[in-house]
N, C-alpha and C. Protein backbone atom coordinates (compact mmCIF):
# COMPACT_ATOMS: atom_id res chain seq x y z
N UNK A 1 17.46 12.77 -1.85
CA UNK A 1 16.11 13.21 -2.12
C UNK A 1 15.15 12.12 -1.64
N UNK A 2 14.06 12.52 -1.01
CA UNK A 2 13.09 11.54 -0.52
C UNK A 2 12.19 11.07 -1.66
N UNK A 3 11.66 9.89 -1.49
CA UNK A 3 10.78 9.30 -2.50
C UNK A 3 9.38 9.88 -2.37
N UNK A 4 8.67 10.05 -3.47
CA UNK A 4 7.28 10.51 -3.40
C UNK A 4 6.42 9.45 -2.70
N UNK A 5 5.48 9.91 -1.88
CA UNK A 5 4.59 9.00 -1.16
C UNK A 5 3.49 8.51 -2.10
N UNK A 6 3.08 7.27 -1.88
CA UNK A 6 2.07 6.64 -2.71
C UNK A 6 1.02 6.01 -1.80
N UNK A 7 -0.25 6.20 -2.13
CA UNK A 7 -1.36 5.60 -1.40
C UNK A 7 -2.09 4.69 -2.37
N UNK A 8 -2.16 3.41 -2.04
CA UNK A 8 -2.82 2.44 -2.92
C UNK A 8 -4.30 2.36 -2.62
N UNK A 9 -5.10 2.28 -3.67
CA UNK A 9 -6.55 2.12 -3.51
C UNK A 9 -6.86 0.64 -3.67
N UNK A 10 -7.39 0.05 -2.61
CA UNK A 10 -7.67 -1.38 -2.57
C UNK A 10 -6.66 -2.08 -1.69
N UNK A 11 -7.11 -3.12 -1.01
CA UNK A 11 -6.23 -3.83 -0.09
C UNK A 11 -6.30 -5.34 -0.30
N UNK A 12 -6.68 -5.75 -1.51
CA UNK A 12 -6.82 -7.17 -1.81
C UNK A 12 -5.58 -7.75 -2.47
N UNK A 13 -5.80 -8.82 -3.19
CA UNK A 13 -4.71 -9.54 -3.83
C UNK A 13 -3.95 -8.72 -4.86
N UNK A 14 -4.65 -7.91 -5.63
CA UNK A 14 -3.96 -7.09 -6.63
C UNK A 14 -3.08 -6.04 -5.95
N UNK A 15 -3.51 -5.52 -4.82
CA UNK A 15 -2.68 -4.57 -4.07
C UNK A 15 -1.37 -5.22 -3.64
N UNK A 16 -1.43 -6.48 -3.25
CA UNK A 16 -0.22 -7.20 -2.86
C UNK A 16 0.75 -7.31 -4.03
N UNK A 17 0.22 -7.59 -5.21
CA UNK A 17 1.06 -7.67 -6.40
C UNK A 17 1.67 -6.31 -6.73
N UNK A 18 0.87 -5.25 -6.59
CA UNK A 18 1.36 -3.89 -6.83
C UNK A 18 2.46 -3.53 -5.85
N UNK A 19 2.27 -3.87 -4.57
CA UNK A 19 3.28 -3.59 -3.55
C UNK A 19 4.60 -4.25 -3.93
N UNK A 20 4.54 -5.49 -4.39
CA UNK A 20 5.74 -6.21 -4.78
C UNK A 20 6.50 -5.45 -5.88
N UNK A 21 5.79 -5.00 -6.89
CA UNK A 21 6.42 -4.28 -8.00
C UNK A 21 6.95 -2.93 -7.54
N UNK A 22 6.17 -2.20 -6.75
CA UNK A 22 6.58 -0.88 -6.26
C UNK A 22 7.84 -0.99 -5.41
N UNK A 23 7.89 -2.00 -4.55
CA UNK A 23 9.08 -2.19 -3.71
C UNK A 23 10.30 -2.54 -4.57
N UNK A 24 10.11 -3.35 -5.59
CA UNK A 24 11.22 -3.72 -6.46
C UNK A 24 11.76 -2.52 -7.23
N UNK A 25 10.86 -1.65 -7.68
CA UNK A 25 11.27 -0.46 -8.43
C UNK A 25 12.01 0.54 -7.54
N UNK A 26 11.57 0.67 -6.29
CA UNK A 26 12.24 1.55 -5.35
C UNK A 26 12.08 3.04 -5.62
N UNK A 27 11.10 3.43 -6.41
CA UNK A 27 10.94 4.85 -6.75
C UNK A 27 9.95 5.58 -5.87
N UNK A 28 9.09 4.83 -5.16
CA UNK A 28 8.04 5.44 -4.33
C UNK A 28 8.08 4.86 -2.92
N UNK A 29 7.60 5.65 -1.98
CA UNK A 29 7.42 5.20 -0.59
C UNK A 29 5.93 4.96 -0.39
N UNK A 30 5.55 3.74 -0.07
CA UNK A 30 4.14 3.42 0.12
C UNK A 30 3.71 3.92 1.49
N UNK A 31 2.74 4.85 1.50
CA UNK A 31 2.25 5.42 2.76
C UNK A 31 1.19 4.53 3.39
N UNK A 32 0.46 3.79 2.58
CA UNK A 32 -0.59 2.92 3.09
C UNK A 32 -1.57 2.57 2.00
N UNK A 33 -2.67 1.96 2.42
CA UNK A 33 -3.70 1.52 1.48
C UNK A 33 -5.06 2.03 1.93
N UNK A 34 -5.96 2.18 0.96
CA UNK A 34 -7.35 2.51 1.25
C UNK A 34 -8.14 1.24 0.95
N UNK A 35 -8.87 0.75 1.95
CA UNK A 35 -9.62 -0.48 1.75
C UNK A 35 -11.07 -0.33 2.18
N UNK A 36 -11.75 -1.44 2.22
CA UNK A 36 -13.15 -1.48 2.65
C UNK A 36 -13.21 -1.24 4.16
N UNK A 37 -14.37 -0.80 4.67
CA UNK A 37 -14.48 -0.49 6.10
C UNK A 37 -14.02 -1.62 7.03
N UNK A 38 -14.28 -2.86 6.67
CA UNK A 38 -13.86 -3.97 7.54
C UNK A 38 -12.36 -4.23 7.48
N UNK A 39 -11.64 -3.61 6.55
CA UNK A 39 -10.19 -3.78 6.43
C UNK A 39 -9.41 -2.68 7.15
N UNK A 40 -10.09 -1.57 7.46
CA UNK A 40 -9.43 -0.42 8.09
C UNK A 40 -8.83 -0.84 9.43
N UNK A 41 -7.60 -0.43 9.65
CA UNK A 41 -6.88 -0.79 10.87
C UNK A 41 -6.03 -2.03 10.69
N UNK A 42 -6.20 -2.70 9.57
CA UNK A 42 -5.40 -3.89 9.29
C UNK A 42 -4.07 -3.51 8.66
N UNK A 43 -3.32 -4.53 8.32
CA UNK A 43 -2.00 -4.34 7.72
C UNK A 43 -1.88 -5.29 6.53
N UNK A 44 -1.35 -4.80 5.43
CA UNK A 44 -1.11 -5.61 4.24
C UNK A 44 0.37 -5.53 3.91
N UNK A 45 1.06 -6.64 4.04
CA UNK A 45 2.50 -6.71 3.76
C UNK A 45 3.28 -5.61 4.47
N UNK A 46 2.86 -5.30 5.68
CA UNK A 46 3.56 -4.30 6.49
C UNK A 46 3.07 -2.88 6.33
N UNK A 47 2.09 -2.65 5.47
CA UNK A 47 1.56 -1.30 5.25
C UNK A 47 0.16 -1.18 5.83
N UNK A 48 -0.15 -0.07 6.49
CA UNK A 48 -1.45 0.08 7.14
C UNK A 48 -2.59 0.34 6.16
N UNK A 49 -3.75 -0.22 6.49
CA UNK A 49 -4.98 0.09 5.75
C UNK A 49 -5.61 1.27 6.48
N UNK A 50 -5.60 2.42 5.84
CA UNK A 50 -5.93 3.68 6.51
C UNK A 50 -7.40 4.08 6.42
N UNK A 51 -8.06 3.72 5.41
CA UNK A 51 -9.45 4.17 5.29
C UNK A 51 -10.15 3.55 4.12
């Protein structure tokens, strides 16, 4: 069974901490992050900042 996709809101330091916990739990697949306009197109810990 595939993991449910997750989109994180925010691309700052707290998002990095959340990514660490989410990856350790292994229950969700992180699709990307939503950040500020100047962050769009960037990457946070291997995940794209989409909008």
